[in-house]
C-alpha atoms as a PDB file:
ATOM      1  CA  MET A   1     -21.202  49.242 -42.443  1.00  0.00           C
ATOM      2  CA  THR A   2     -17.526  49.187 -41.553  1.00  0.00           C
ATOM      3  CA  ASP A   3     -16.197  47.714 -38.337  1.00  0.00           C
ATOM      4  CA  GLU A   4     -14.968  51.179 -37.303  1.00  0.00           C
ATOM      5  CA  ARG A   5     -18.380  52.734 -37.863  1.00  0.00           C
ATOM      6  CA  GLU A   6     -20.034  49.917 -35.892  1.00  0.00           C
ATOM      7  CA  ALA A   7     -17.576  50.474 -33.035  1.00  0.00           C
ATOM      8  CA  PHE A   8     -18.437  54.179 -32.939  1.00  0.00           C
ATOM      9  CA  HIS A   9     -22.152  53.401 -32.935  1.00  0.00           C
ATOM     10  CA  ALA A  10     -21.677  50.927 -30.086  1.00  0.00           C
ATOM     11  CA  ALA A  11     -19.680  53.445 -28.031  1.00  0.00           C
ATOM     12  CA  ILE A  12     -22.331  56.113 -28.564  1.00  0.00           C
ATOM     13  CA  TRP A  13     -25.140  53.722 -27.650  1.00  0.00           C
ATOM     14  CA  GLN A  14     -23.338  52.480 -24.509  1.00  0.00           C
ATOM     15  CA  THR A  15     -22.655  55.996 -23.174  1.00  0.00           C
ATOM     16  CA  PRO A  16     -25.722  58.095 -24.046  1.00  0.00           C
ATOM     17  CA  ASP A  17     -24.827  60.911 -21.632  1.00  0.00           C
ATOM     18  CA  ASP A  18     -21.248  61.294 -22.881  1.00  0.00           C
ATOM     19  CA  ASP A  19     -20.652  63.535 -25.900  1.00  0.00           C
ATOM     20  CA  LEU A  20     -17.028  62.475 -26.367  1.00  0.00           C
ATOM     21  CA  PRO A  21     -17.779  59.403 -28.522  1.00  0.00           C
ATOM     22  CA  ARG A  22     -20.064  61.530 -30.705  1.00  0.00           C
ATOM     23  CA  LEU A  23     -17.419  64.214 -31.140  1.00  0.00           C
ATOM     24  CA  VAL A  24     -14.709  61.690 -31.991  1.00  0.00           C
ATOM     25  CA  TYR A  25     -17.068  60.054 -34.466  1.00  0.00           C
ATOM     26  CA  ALA A  26     -17.816  63.478 -35.977  1.00  0.00           C
ATOM     27  CA  ASP A  27     -14.079  64.047 -36.501  1.00  0.00           C
ATOM     28  CA  TRP A  28     -13.801  60.606 -38.101  1.00  0.00           C
ATOM     29  CA  LEU A  29     -16.698  61.403 -40.423  1.00  0.00           C
ATOM     30  CA  ASP A  30     -15.119  64.733 -41.387  1.00  0.00           C
ATOM     31  CA  GLU A  31     -11.885  62.959 -42.288  1.00  0.00           C
ATOM     32  CA  ARG A  32     -13.897  60.785 -44.680  1.00  0.00           C
ATOM     33  CA  GLY A  33     -15.730  63.657 -46.327  1.00  0.00           C
ATOM     34  CA  GLU A  34     -19.058  63.131 -44.558  1.00  0.00           C
ATOM     35  CA  HIS A  35     -19.244  66.753 -43.425  1.00  0.00           C
ATOM     36  CA  ASP A  36     -23.024  67.066 -43.137  1.00  0.00           C
ATOM     37  CA  GLU A  37     -23.302  64.052 -40.846  1.00  0.00           C
ATOM     38  CA  ALA A  38     -20.385  65.327 -38.742  1.00  0.00           C
ATOM     39  CA  ALA A  39     -21.976  68.768 -38.425  1.00  0.00           C
ATOM     40  CA  PHE A  40     -25.273  67.189 -37.373  1.00  0.00           C
ATOM     41  CA  LEU A  41     -23.579  65.203 -34.592  1.00  0.00           C
ATOM     42  CA  ARG A  42     -21.792  68.315 -33.335  1.00  0.00           C
ATOM     43  CA  LEU A  43     -25.092  70.178 -33.321  1.00  0.00           C
ATOM     44  CA  LEU A  44     -26.681  67.428 -31.244  1.00  0.00           C
ATOM     45  CA  CYS A  45     -23.866  67.759 -28.713  1.00  0.00           C
ATOM     46  CA  CYS A  46     -24.589  71.482 -28.340  1.00  0.00           C
ATOM     47  CA  MET A  47     -28.316  71.072 -27.780  1.00  0.00           C
ATOM     48  CA  PRO A  48     -29.738  70.713 -24.273  1.00  0.00           C
ATOM     49  CA  CYS A  49     -31.825  67.666 -23.527  1.00  0.00           C
ATOM     50  CA  ALA A  50     -35.387  68.026 -24.782  1.00  0.00           C
ATOM     51  CA  THR A  51     -36.802  66.387 -21.634  1.00  0.00           C
ATOM     52  CA  GLY A  52     -35.488  69.186 -19.424  1.00  0.00           C
ATOM     53  CA  GLY A  53     -33.330  66.828 -17.391  1.00  0.00           C
ATOM     54  CA  GLY A  54     -30.093  68.307 -18.670  1.00  0.00           C
ATOM     55  CA  SER A  55     -28.723  65.091 -20.115  1.00  0.00           C
ATOM     56  CA  ARG A  56     -29.684  62.831 -22.976  1.00  0.00           C
ATOM     57  CA  SER A  57     -31.029  59.366 -22.498  1.00  0.00           C
ATOM     58  CA  VAL A  58     -31.714  56.631 -24.991  1.00  0.00           C
ATOM     59  CA  GLY A  59     -35.016  54.794 -24.966  1.00  0.00           C
END
């Protein structure tokens, strides 16, 4: 895993309720030809929280 990818993963993990790191990571993935992964991340950002609380949480 590249240092950049690890940094994106860390930012996403540290801010579970913020979609911005996911969207920036999706753009980064698109630039590298990983379109399916980027589309999946964007889809996750559009989905409401499954717990009904309105925001995502990790763990």
